[in-house]
Amino acid sequence: MTTRAGFVALIGEPNAGKSTLLNAMVGTKVSIVTHKVQTTRARIRGVALEGESQIVFVDTPGLFRPRRRLDRAMVAAAWTGAADADVIVLMIEAHRGVTEGLEEILKGLEERGSGAPVALAINKIDRVQAPVLLGLTKEMNDRYPFVETFMISAEKRRGVDDLRKWLADRMPEGPWLYPEDQIADLPMRMIAAEVTREKLTLRLHQELPYQLTVETESWEEKDDGSAVIHQIIYVARDGHKGIVLGKRGETVKAVSQAAREELREMLERPVHLFLQVKVRPNWLDEAERYSAMGLDFSDGNG
């Protein structure tokens, strides 16, 4: 029996559906999914099993034109994830076609090519007619030598099994990299912080673009099997603190409840979640905050 194991980097523009695909591949929620652009900050790895193959997915932040230190660190993390992978999957949205951002990514692949094979996954295929899909497939393959093209709907899980089987066959021979029951290499503290950040993003929509991060300050296991989790929500301004708290604390209460319910399902035991909101005007320039998000502070230079 020959086992295989390797890394697959999912790259693409923000909101291309990378997190949704990762969750569908792994079969559980390891990467937060929202309709807000740029929710994935750290390179979250999900582990999927297919036959005798173990596929370790690197869900990179969406590639875009960086403006600030945090943006630059996120883009650097995405390209690092791609450079370390055995296979790269470029995800694009069928209905958006070849955008300016996609042109930048294709250019980046040509310039930073690691030698790893690159597959194209055209997502949200249910949004366009067949002729448009075929035209986009031809245009993309004329632009870059993709080894394979997949038509998928990550949300509806169409084409996901075929892609996973294909990736499993491309993994190098070797022992598995993670225990069979491990779904992600992120510590649960970070996953818990991501869950809370997702609930904040969904609740606040456009009100707080990037000026917010969540950290799990403490995690205590109780004798009765429950977990007591204390988290801090860092915001950059006093005005943002009011937005996060909401009238009479209603917003943060609703966020806490939604995050607690999801964490309870994830952990399959009672969870007591306590959220505190703190103002840190310069958190975007603090190395410690970047480490907590799994990013390299020095990558934000330049």
C-alpha atoms as a PDB file:
ATOM      1  CA  MET A   1       0.000   0.000   0.000  1.00  0.00           C
ATOM      2  CA  THR A   2       1.593   3.260  -1.164  1.00  0.00           C
ATOM      3  CA  THR A   3       0.680   6.361   0.765  1.00  0.00           C
ATOM      4  CA  ARG A   4       0.929   9.875  -0.623  1.00  0.00           C
ATOM      5  CA  ALA A   5       1.037  13.285   1.040  1.00  0.00           C
ATOM      6  CA  GLY A   6       1.620  16.820  -0.146  1.00  0.00           C
ATOM      7  CA  PHE A   7       0.606  20.461  -0.111  1.00  0.00           C
ATOM      8  CA  VAL A   8      -1.911  22.209  -2.345  1.00  0.00           C
ATOM      9  CA  ALA A   9      -2.049  26.021  -2.449  1.00  0.00           C
ATOM     10  CA  LEU A  10      -5.381  27.616  -3.302  1.00  0.00           C
ATOM     11  CA  ILE A  11      -4.750  31.034  -4.806  1.00  0.00           C
ATOM     12  CA  GLY A  12      -7.001  33.625  -6.403  1.00  0.00           C
ATOM     13  CA  GLU A  13      -8.594  37.011  -5.967  1.00  0.00           C
ATOM     14  CA  PRO A  14     -10.466  37.843  -2.748  1.00  0.00           C
ATOM     15  CA  ASN A  15     -13.921  36.214  -2.626  1.00  0.00           C
ATOM     16  CA  ALA A  16     -13.136  33.715  -5.386  1.00  0.00           C
ATOM     17  CA  GLY A  17     -14.470  30.952  -3.122  1.00  0.00           C
ATOM     18  CA  LYS A  18     -11.208  29.496  -1.826  1.00  0.00           C
ATOM     19  CA  SER A  19     -12.412  29.131   1.765  1.00  0.00           C
ATOM     20  CA  THR A  20     -15.694  27.554   0.629  1.00  0.00           C
ATOM     21  CA  LEU A  21     -13.762  25.058  -1.528  1.00  0.00           C
ATOM     22  CA  LEU A  22     -11.378  24.236   1.319  1.00  0.00           C
ATOM     23  CA  ASN A  23     -14.273  23.544   3.677  1.00  0.00           C
ATOM     24  CA  ALA A  24     -15.967  21.367   1.037  1.00  0.00           C
ATOM     25  CA  MET A  25     -12.742  19.435   0.403  1.00  0.00           C
ATOM     26  CA  VAL A  26     -12.027  18.810   4.073  1.00  0.00           C
ATOM     27  CA  GLY A  27     -15.656  18.169   4.958  1.00  0.00           C
ATOM     28  CA  THR A  28     -15.714  20.483   7.952  1.00  0.00           C
ATOM     29  CA  LYS A  29     -15.331  24.171   8.634  1.00  0.00           C
ATOM     30  CA  VAL A  30     -11.698  25.183   9.047  1.00  0.00           C
ATOM     31  CA  SER A  31     -11.642  28.463   7.157  1.00  0.00           C
ATOM     32  CA  ILE A  32     -14.077  31.303   7.735  1.00  0.00           C
ATOM     33  CA  VAL A  33     -16.482  32.075   4.917  1.00  0.00           C
ATOM     34  CA  THR A  34     -18.149  35.455   4.507  1.00  0.00           C
ATOM     35  CA  HIS A  35     -19.212  37.628   1.609  1.00  0.00           C
ATOM     36  CA  LYS A  36     -16.888  40.345   2.822  1.00  0.00           C
ATOM     37  CA  VAL A  37     -13.708  40.688   0.814  1.00  0.00           C
ATOM     38  CA  GLN A  38     -10.428  39.603   2.377  1.00  0.00           C
ATOM     39  CA  THR A  39     -11.564  37.601   5.407  1.00  0.00           C
ATOM     40  CA  THR A  40      -8.778  35.012   5.268  1.00  0.00           C
ATOM     41  CA  ARG A  41      -5.607  36.407   6.830  1.00  0.00           C
ATOM     42  CA  ALA A  42      -3.534  33.448   7.936  1.00  0.00           C
ATOM     43  CA  ARG A  43      -2.534  30.552   5.710  1.00  0.00           C
ATOM     44  CA  ILE A  44      -5.052  28.112   7.145  1.00  0.00           C
ATOM     45  CA  ARG A  45      -4.329  24.510   6.290  1.00  0.00           C
ATOM     46  CA  GLY A  46      -7.053  21.940   6.038  1.00  0.00           C
ATOM     47  CA  VAL A  47      -6.263  18.240   5.726  1.00  0.00           C
ATOM     48  CA  ALA A  48      -8.312  16.048   3.385  1.00  0.00           C
ATOM     49  CA  LEU A  49      -8.051  12.298   2.877  1.00  0.00           C
ATOM     50  CA  GLU A  50      -8.688  10.667  -0.500  1.00  0.00           C
ATOM     51  CA  GLY A  51      -7.923   6.958  -0.727  1.00  0.00           C
ATOM     52  CA  GLU A  52      -4.314   6.499   0.402  1.00  0.00           C
ATOM     53  CA  SER A  53      -3.505  10.183  -0.166  1.00  0.00           C
ATOM     54  CA  GLN A  54      -3.403  12.995   2.365  1.00  0.00           C
ATOM     55  CA  ILE A  55      -3.871  16.450   0.843  1.00  0.00           C
ATOM     56  CA  VAL A  56      -2.848  19.427   2.951  1.00  0.00           C
ATOM     57  CA  PHE A  57      -4.581  22.564   1.705  1.00  0.00           C
ATOM     58  CA  VAL A  58      -3.042  25.974   2.175  1.00  0.00           C
ATOM     59  CA  ASP A  59      -5.863  28.516   2.044  1.00  0.00           C
ATOM     60  CA  THR A  60      -3.977  31.682   1.195  1.00  0.00           C
ATOM     61  CA  PRO A  61      -5.280  35.224   1.607  1.00  0.00           C
ATOM     62  CA  GLY A  62      -6.795  36.545  -1.618  1.00  0.00           C
ATOM     63  CA  LEU A  63      -4.247  38.138  -3.928  1.00  0.00           C
ATOM     64  CA  PHE A  64      -4.836  41.821  -4.563  1.00  0.00           C
ATOM     65  CA  ARG A  65      -2.883  45.054  -4.941  1.00  0.00           C
ATOM     66  CA  PRO A  66      -1.547  45.824  -1.441  1.00  0.00           C
ATOM     67  CA  ARG A  67      -1.817  49.312   0.032  1.00  0.00           C
ATOM     68  CA  ARG A  68      -0.890  48.980   3.708  1.00  0.00           C
ATOM     69  CA  ARG A  69       1.449  46.911   5.855  1.00  0.00           C
ATOM     70  CA  LEU A  70      -1.239  44.337   6.668  1.00  0.00           C
ATOM     71  CA  ASP A  71      -2.143  44.054   2.958  1.00  0.00           C
ATOM     72  CA  ARG A  72       1.496  43.524   1.996  1.00  0.00           C
ATOM     73  CA  ALA A  73       1.982  40.851   4.678  1.00  0.00           C
ATOM     74  CA  MET A  74      -1.139  39.033   3.470  1.00  0.00           C
ATOM     75  CA  VAL A  75      -0.041  39.069  -0.182  1.00  0.00           C
ATOM     76  CA  ALA A  76       3.449  37.884   0.797  1.00  0.00           C
ATOM     77  CA  ALA A  77       1.843  35.035   2.782  1.00  0.00           C
ATOM     78  CA  ALA A  78      -0.189  34.021  -0.275  1.00  0.00           C
ATOM     79  CA  TRP A  79       2.838  33.833  -2.564  1.00  0.00           C
ATOM     80  CA  THR A  80       4.859  31.995   0.103  1.00  0.00           C
ATOM     81  CA  GLY A  81       2.050  29.444   0.339  1.00  0.00           C
ATOM     82  CA  ALA A  82       2.152  28.985  -3.435  1.00  0.00           C
ATOM     83  CA  ALA A  83       5.958  28.649  -3.489  1.00  0.00           C
ATOM     84  CA  ASP A  84       5.873  25.861  -0.875  1.00  0.00           C
ATOM     85  CA  ALA A  85       3.157  23.805  -2.584  1.00  0.00           C
ATOM     86  CA  ASP A  86       3.364  20.587  -4.601  1.00  0.00           C
ATOM     87  CA  VAL A  87       0.354  21.679  -6.668  1.00  0.00           C
ATOM     88  CA  ILE A  88      -1.208  25.126  -7.102  1.00  0.00           C
ATOM     89  CA  VAL A  89      -4.905  25.623  -7.827  1.00  0.00           C
ATOM     90  CA  LEU A  90      -5.893  29.017  -9.229  1.00  0.00           C
ATOM     91  CA  MET A  91      -9.540  29.721  -8.479  1.00  0.00           C
ATOM     92  CA  ILE A  92     -11.492  32.196 -10.569  1.00  0.00           C
ATOM     93  CA  GLU A  93     -15.162  33.169 -10.686  1.00  0.00           C
ATOM     94  CA  ALA A  94     -16.961  32.202 -13.877  1.00  0.00           C
ATOM     95  CA  HIS A  95     -19.154  35.317 -14.000  1.00  0.00           C
ATOM     96  CA  ARG A  96     -16.319  37.814 -13.480  1.00  0.00           C
ATOM     97  CA  GLY A  97     -14.136  36.770 -16.387  1.00  0.00           C
ATOM     98  CA  VAL A  98     -10.548  37.972 -16.719  1.00  0.00           C
ATOM     99  CA  THR A  99     -10.248  40.940 -14.375  1.00  0.00           C
ATOM    100  CA  GLU A 100      -7.341  43.309 -13.832  1.00  0.00           C
ATOM    101  CA  GLY A 101      -6.592  41.498 -10.566  1.00  0.00           C
ATOM    102  CA  LEU A 102      -6.504  38.157 -12.352  1.00  0.00           C
ATOM    103  CA  GLU A 103      -4.067  39.582 -14.914  1.00  0.00           C
ATOM    104  CA  GLU A 104      -1.777  40.493 -11.958  1.00  0.00           C
ATOM    105  CA  ILE A 105      -1.992  36.946 -10.578  1.00  0.00           C
ATOM    106  CA  LEU A 106      -1.149  35.376 -13.961  1.00  0.00           C
ATOM    107  CA  LYS A 107       1.816  37.729 -14.204  1.00  0.00           C
ATOM    108  CA  GLY A 108       2.842  36.729 -10.671  1.00  0.00           C
ATOM    109  CA  LEU A 109       2.646  33.025 -11.563  1.00  0.00           C
ATOM    110  CA  GLU A 110       4.929  33.593 -14.551  1.00  0.00           C
ATOM    111  CA  GLU A 111       7.425  35.641 -12.528  1.00  0.00           C
ATOM    112  CA  ARG A 112       7.340  33.632  -9.287  1.00  0.00           C
ATOM    113  CA  GLY A 113       6.733  30.221 -10.784  1.00  0.00           C
ATOM    114  CA  SER A 114       7.940  27.547  -8.361  1.00  0.00           C
ATOM    115  CA  GLY A 115       7.850  24.753 -10.917  1.00  0.00           C
ATOM    116  CA  ALA A 116       4.749  23.253  -9.278  1.00  0.00           C
ATOM    117  CA  PRO A 117       1.957  22.295 -11.700  1.00  0.00           C
ATOM    118  CA  VAL A 118      -0.901  24.824 -11.747  1.00  0.00           C
ATOM    119  CA  ALA A 119      -4.523  23.720 -12.235  1.00  0.00           C
ATOM    120  CA  LEU A 120      -7.378  26.088 -13.018  1.00  0.00           C
ATOM    121  CA  ALA A 121     -10.638  25.807 -11.065  1.00  0.00           C
ATOM    122  CA  ILE A 122     -13.474  27.882 -12.514  1.00  0.00           C
ATOM    123  CA  ASN A 123     -15.927  28.406  -9.660  1.00  0.00           C
ATOM    124  CA  LYS A 124     -19.607  29.447  -9.571  1.00  0.00           C
ATOM    125  CA  ILE A 125     -20.249  27.822 -12.960  1.00  0.00           C
ATOM    126  CA  ASP A 126     -24.018  27.920 -12.339  1.00  0.00           C
ATOM    127  CA  ARG A 127     -23.922  31.694 -12.840  1.00  0.00           C
ATOM    128  CA  VAL A 128     -23.060  31.633 -16.554  1.00  0.00           C
ATOM    129  CA  GLN A 129     -24.174  29.942 -19.764  1.00  0.00           C
ATOM    130  CA  ALA A 130     -22.073  27.161 -21.348  1.00  0.00           C
ATOM    131  CA  PRO A 131     -20.685  29.309 -24.246  1.00  0.00           C
ATOM    132  CA  VAL A 132     -19.363  31.893 -21.751  1.00  0.00           C
ATOM    133  CA  LEU A 133     -17.746  29.129 -19.715  1.00  0.00           C
ATOM    134  CA  LEU A 134     -16.074  27.593 -22.757  1.00  0.00           C
ATOM    135  CA  GLY A 135     -14.849  31.014 -23.905  1.00  0.00           C
ATOM    136  CA  LEU A 136     -13.350  31.745 -20.482  1.00  0.00           C
ATOM    137  CA  THR A 137     -11.695  28.303 -20.364  1.00  0.00           C
ATOM    138  CA  LYS A 138     -10.046  28.901 -23.745  1.00  0.00           C
ATOM    139  CA  GLU A 139      -8.949  32.437 -22.868  1.00  0.00           C
ATOM    140  CA  MET A 140      -7.365  31.360 -19.577  1.00  0.00           C
ATOM    141  CA  ASN A 141      -5.583  28.366 -21.111  1.00  0.00           C
ATOM    142  CA  ASP A 142      -4.261  30.575 -23.907  1.00  0.00           C
ATOM    143  CA  ARG A 143      -2.812  32.897 -21.246  1.00  0.00           C
ATOM    144  CA  TYR A 144      -1.158  30.261 -19.044  1.00  0.00           C
ATOM    145  CA  PRO A 145      -0.170  26.567 -19.436  1.00  0.00           C
ATOM    146  CA  PHE A 146      -2.553  25.049 -16.873  1.00  0.00           C
ATOM    147  CA  VAL A 147      -2.095  21.301 -16.480  1.00  0.00           C
ATOM    148  CA  GLU A 148      -5.841  20.775 -16.006  1.00  0.00           C
ATOM    149  CA  THR A 149      -9.061  22.795 -15.879  1.00  0.00           C
ATOM    150  CA  PHE A 150     -11.967  22.017 -13.528  1.00  0.00           C
ATOM    151  CA  MET A 151     -15.503  23.422 -13.638  1.00  0.00           C
ATOM    152  CA  ILE A 152     -16.856  23.594 -10.100  1.00  0.00           C
ATOM    153  CA  SER A 153     -19.419  25.075  -7.756  1.00  0.00           C
ATOM    154  CA  ALA A 154     -17.718  25.010  -4.354  1.00  0.00           C
ATOM    155  CA  GLU A 155     -20.904  26.079  -2.585  1.00  0.00           C
ATOM    156  CA  LYS A 156     -23.008  23.317  -4.177  1.00  0.00           C
ATOM    157  CA  ARG A 157     -20.066  20.880  -4.115  1.00  0.00           C
ATOM    158  CA  ARG A 158     -20.314  20.225  -7.843  1.00  0.00           C
ATOM    159  CA  GLY A 159     -17.019  19.020  -9.331  1.00  0.00           C
ATOM    160  CA  VAL A 160     -15.321  19.088  -5.911  1.00  0.00           C
ATOM    161  CA  ASP A 161     -14.871  15.287  -5.695  1.00  0.00           C
ATOM    162  CA  ASP A 162     -13.258  15.146  -9.155  1.00  0.00           C
ATOM    163  CA  LEU A 163     -10.807  17.884  -8.203  1.00  0.00           C
ATOM    164  CA  ARG A 164      -9.945  16.167  -4.909  1.00  0.00           C
ATOM    165  CA  LYS A 165      -9.343  12.818  -6.662  1.00  0.00           C
ATOM    166  CA  TRP A 166      -7.123  14.472  -9.255  1.00  0.00           C
ATOM    167  CA  LEU A 167      -5.114  16.252  -6.553  1.00  0.00           C
ATOM    168  CA  ALA A 168      -4.753  13.007  -4.561  1.00  0.00           C
ATOM    169  CA  ASP A 169      -3.086  11.363  -7.576  1.00  0.00           C
ATOM    170  CA  ARG A 170      -0.656  14.296  -7.902  1.00  0.00           C
ATOM    171  CA  MET A 171       0.617  14.098  -4.325  1.00  0.00           C
ATOM    172  CA  PRO A 172       4.192  12.806  -3.881  1.00  0.00           C
ATOM    173  CA  GLU A 173       4.661   9.316  -2.467  1.00  0.00           C
ATOM    174  CA  GLY A 174       5.504   9.343   1.218  1.00  0.00           C
ATOM    175  CA  PRO A 175       4.103   8.997   4.740  1.00  0.00           C
ATOM    176  CA  TRP A 176       1.170  11.103   5.863  1.00  0.00           C
ATOM    177  CA  LEU A 177       2.092  14.444   7.394  1.00  0.00           C
ATOM    178  CA  TYR A 178      -0.710  14.634   9.976  1.00  0.00           C
ATOM    179  CA  PRO A 179      -2.638  12.175  12.170  1.00  0.00           C
ATOM    180  CA  GLU A 180      -5.768  10.854  10.435  1.00  0.00           C
ATOM    181  CA  ASP A 181      -8.166  12.715  12.723  1.00  0.00           C
ATOM    182  CA  GLN A 182      -6.487  16.113  12.463  1.00  0.00           C
ATOM    183  CA  ILE A 183      -8.336  18.554  10.222  1.00  0.00           C
ATOM    184  CA  ALA A 184      -6.139  21.621  10.516  1.00  0.00           C
ATOM    185  CA  ASP A 185      -2.737  22.579  11.842  1.00  0.00           C
ATOM    186  CA  LEU A 186      -4.028  25.798  13.362  1.00  0.00           C
ATOM    187  CA  PRO A 187      -4.298  25.659  17.129  1.00  0.00           C
ATOM    188  CA  MET A 188      -7.906  25.731  18.305  1.00  0.00           C
ATOM    189  CA  ARG A 189      -7.255  29.110  19.956  1.00  0.00           C
ATOM    190  CA  MET A 190      -6.706  30.659  16.524  1.00  0.00           C
ATOM    191  CA  ILE A 191      -9.656  28.849  14.951  1.00  0.00           C
ATOM    192  CA  ALA A 192     -11.865  30.126  17.802  1.00  0.00           C
ATOM    193  CA  ALA A 193     -10.652  33.685  17.169  1.00  0.00           C
ATOM    194  CA  GLU A 194     -11.422  33.285  13.458  1.00  0.00           C
ATOM    195  CA  VAL A 195     -14.956  32.097  14.253  1.00  0.00           C
ATOM    196  CA  THR A 196     -15.595  35.226  16.350  1.00  0.00           C
ATOM    197  CA  ARG A 197     -14.081  37.442  13.647  1.00  0.00           C
ATOM    198  CA  GLU A 198     -16.376  35.857  11.073  1.00  0.00           C
ATOM    199  CA  LYS A 199     -19.438  36.598  13.216  1.00  0.00           C
ATOM    200  CA  LEU A 200     -18.282  40.217  13.641  1.00  0.00           C
ATOM    201  CA  THR A 201     -17.768  40.546   9.890  1.00  0.00           C
ATOM    202  CA  LEU A 202     -21.220  39.161   9.126  1.00  0.00           C
ATOM    203  CA  ARG A 203     -22.864  41.372  11.737  1.00  0.00           C
ATOM    204  CA  LEU A 204     -21.071  44.625  10.935  1.00  0.00           C
ATOM    205  CA  HIS A 205     -20.878  44.316   7.116  1.00  0.00           C
ATOM    206  CA  GLN A 206     -19.140  47.406   5.718  1.00  0.00           C
ATOM    207  CA  GLU A 207     -18.894  49.322   8.992  1.00  0.00           C
ATOM    208  CA  LEU A 208     -15.502  47.986  10.032  1.00  0.00           C
ATOM    209  CA  PRO A 209     -13.411  47.196   6.951  1.00  0.00           C
ATOM    210  CA  TYR A 210     -10.042  46.017   8.286  1.00  0.00           C
ATOM    211  CA  GLN A 211      -9.545  47.862  11.554  1.00  0.00           C
ATOM    212  CA  LEU A 212     -10.308  44.878  13.738  1.00  0.00           C
ATOM    213  CA  THR A 213      -8.704  41.657  14.891  1.00  0.00           C
ATOM    214  CA  VAL A 214      -9.618  39.000  17.457  1.00  0.00           C
ATOM    215  CA  GLU A 215      -7.241  37.140  19.762  1.00  0.00           C
ATOM    216  CA  THR A 216      -7.960  34.297  22.160  1.00  0.00           C
ATOM    217  CA  GLU A 217      -6.451  35.498  25.426  1.00  0.00           C
ATOM    218  CA  SER A 218      -7.115  32.391  27.512  1.00  0.00           C
ATOM    219  CA  TRP A 219      -8.639  28.920  27.138  1.00  0.00           C
ATOM    220  CA  GLU A 220      -9.503  26.909  30.216  1.00  0.00           C
ATOM    221  CA  GLU A 221     -10.683  23.302  30.244  1.00  0.00           C
ATOM    222  CA  LYS A 222     -13.165  22.659  33.071  1.00  0.00           C
ATOM    223  CA  ASP A 223     -13.684  19.406  34.979  1.00  0.00           C
ATOM    224  CA  ASP A 224     -17.231  19.139  33.625  1.00  0.00           C
ATOM    225  CA  GLY A 225     -15.842  18.963  30.052  1.00  0.00           C
ATOM    226  CA  SER A 226     -16.737  22.532  29.127  1.00  0.00           C
ATOM    227  CA  ALA A 227     -14.306  25.164  27.796  1.00  0.00           C
ATOM    228  CA  VAL A 228     -14.060  28.740  29.091  1.00  0.00           C
ATOM    229  CA  ILE A 229     -12.695  31.036  26.393  1.00  0.00           C
ATOM    230  CA  HIS A 230     -11.745  34.686  26.848  1.00  0.00           C
ATOM    231  CA  GLN A 231     -11.145  36.731  23.705  1.00  0.00           C
ATOM    232  CA  ILE A 232     -10.135  40.325  22.999  1.00  0.00           C
ATOM    233  CA  ILE A 233     -11.443  42.249  20.010  1.00  0.00           C
ATOM    234  CA  TYR A 234      -8.869  44.900  19.085  1.00  0.00           C
ATOM    235  CA  VAL A 235     -10.072  47.981  17.221  1.00  0.00           C
ATOM    236  CA  ALA A 236      -8.095  51.001  16.035  1.00  0.00           C
ATOM    237  CA  ARG A 237     -10.398  53.819  17.225  1.00  0.00           C
ATOM    238  CA  ASP A 238     -12.798  54.703  20.036  1.00  0.00           C
ATOM    239  CA  GLY A 239     -15.575  55.123  17.472  1.00  0.00           C
ATOM    240  CA  HIS A 240     -15.036  51.549  16.326  1.00  0.00           C
ATOM    241  CA  LYS A 241     -15.414  50.276  19.883  1.00  0.00           C
ATOM    242  CA  GLY A 242     -18.922  51.762  20.008  1.00  0.00           C
ATOM    243  CA  ILE A 243     -19.816  50.089  16.708  1.00  0.00           C
ATOM    244  CA  VAL A 244     -18.613  46.669  17.931  1.00  0.00           C
ATOM    245  CA  LEU A 245     -20.433  46.991  21.262  1.00  0.00           C
ATOM    246  CA  GLY A 246     -23.643  48.296  19.694  1.00  0.00           C
ATOM    247  CA  LYS A 247     -26.551  49.901  21.545  1.00  0.00           C
ATOM    248  CA  ARG A 248     -26.595  48.623  25.134  1.00  0.00           C
ATOM    249  CA  GLY A 249     -24.000  46.036  24.119  1.00  0.00           C
ATOM    250  CA  GLU A 250     -26.464  44.270  21.783  1.00  0.00           C
ATOM    251  CA  THR A 251     -24.033  43.768  18.884  1.00  0.00           C
ATOM    252  CA  VAL A 252     -21.233  42.166  20.859  1.00  0.00           C
ATOM    253  CA  LYS A 253     -23.803  40.053  22.735  1.00  0.00           C
ATOM    254  CA  ALA A 254     -25.253  38.721  19.466  1.00  0.00           C
ATOM    255  CA  VAL A 255     -21.740  38.068  18.092  1.00  0.00           C
ATOM    256  CA  SER A 256     -20.760  36.222  21.271  1.00  0.00           C
ATOM    257  CA  GLN A 257     -23.877  34.055  21.124  1.00  0.00           C
ATOM    258  CA  ALA A 258     -23.395  33.146  17.442  1.00  0.00           C
ATOM    259  CA  ALA A 259     -19.685  32.369  17.947  1.00  0.00           C
ATOM    260  CA  ARG A 260     -20.400  30.341  21.095  1.00  0.00           C
ATOM    261  CA  GLU A 261     -23.002  28.205  19.296  1.00  0.00           C
ATOM    262  CA  GLU A 262     -20.642  27.456  16.417  1.00  0.00           C
ATOM    263  CA  LEU A 263     -17.743  26.643  18.746  1.00  0.00           C
ATOM    264  CA  ARG A 264     -20.013  24.355  20.765  1.00  0.00           C
ATOM    265  CA  GLU A 265     -20.880  22.434  17.580  1.00  0.00           C
ATOM    266  CA  MET A 266     -17.224  22.320  16.529  1.00  0.00           C
ATOM    267  CA  LEU A 267     -15.933  21.120  19.897  1.00  0.00           C
ATOM    268  CA  GLU A 268     -19.015  18.989  20.656  1.00  0.00           C
ATOM    269  CA  ARG A 269     -19.170  20.253  24.259  1.00  0.00           C
ATOM    270  CA  PRO A 270     -20.394  23.303  26.217  1.00  0.00           C
ATOM    271  CA  VAL A 271     -18.506  26.566  25.610  1.00  0.00           C
ATOM    272  CA  HIS A 272     -18.485  29.708  27.743  1.00  0.00           C
ATOM    273  CA  LEU A 273     -17.253  32.622  25.632  1.00  0.00           C
ATOM    274  CA  PHE A 274     -16.348  36.050  27.020  1.00  0.00           C
ATOM    275  CA  LEU A 275     -15.556  38.941  24.686  1.00  0.00           C
ATOM    276  CA  GLN A 276     -13.822  42.174  25.581  1.00  0.00           C
ATOM    277  CA  VAL A 277     -13.321  45.131  23.216  1.00  0.00           C
ATOM    278  CA  LYS A 278     -10.064  47.106  23.479  1.00  0.00           C
ATOM    279  CA  VAL A 279      -8.838  50.134  21.545  1.00  0.00           C
ATOM    280  CA  ARG A 280      -5.272  49.816  20.240  1.00  0.00           C
ATOM    281  CA  PRO A 281      -4.681  52.648  17.740  1.00  0.00           C
ATOM    282  CA  ASN A 282      -1.533  51.084  16.259  1.00  0.00           C
ATOM    283  CA  TRP A 283      -2.387  47.389  16.239  1.00  0.00           C
ATOM    284  CA  LEU A 284      -1.864  47.322  12.458  1.00  0.00           C
ATOM    285  CA  ASP A 285       1.815  48.133  13.106  1.00  0.00           C
ATOM    286  CA  GLU A 286       2.466  45.738  15.998  1.00  0.00           C
ATOM    287  CA  ALA A 287       4.536  42.636  15.249  1.00  0.00           C
ATOM    288  CA  GLU A 288       2.735  40.697  18.012  1.00  0.00           C
ATOM    289  CA  ARG A 289      -0.661  41.067  16.314  1.00  0.00           C
ATOM    290  CA  TYR A 290       0.768  39.720  13.028  1.00  0.00           C
ATOM    291  CA  SER A 291       2.229  36.665  14.788  1.00  0.00           C
ATOM    292  CA  ALA A 292      -1.199  35.965  16.311  1.00  0.00           C
ATOM    293  CA  MET A 293      -2.664  35.975  12.780  1.00  0.00           C
ATOM    294  CA  GLY A 294       0.048  33.653  11.453  1.00  0.00           C
ATOM    295  CA  LEU A 295       1.592  36.402   9.310  1.00  0.00           C
ATOM    296  CA  ASP A 296       5.167  37.626   9.070  1.00  0.00           C
ATOM    297  CA  PHE A 297       5.440  41.245  10.259  1.00  0.00           C
ATOM    298  CA  SER A 298       8.553  41.838   8.128  1.00  0.00           C
ATOM    299  CA  ASP A 299       6.606  40.873   4.970  1.00  0.00           C
ATOM    300  CA  GLY A 300       4.631  44.092   5.394  1.00  0.00           C
ATOM    301  CA  ASN A 301       7.664  46.238   4.598  1.00  0.00           C
ATOM    302  CA  GLY A 302       8.197  47.826   1.225  1.00  0.00           C
END
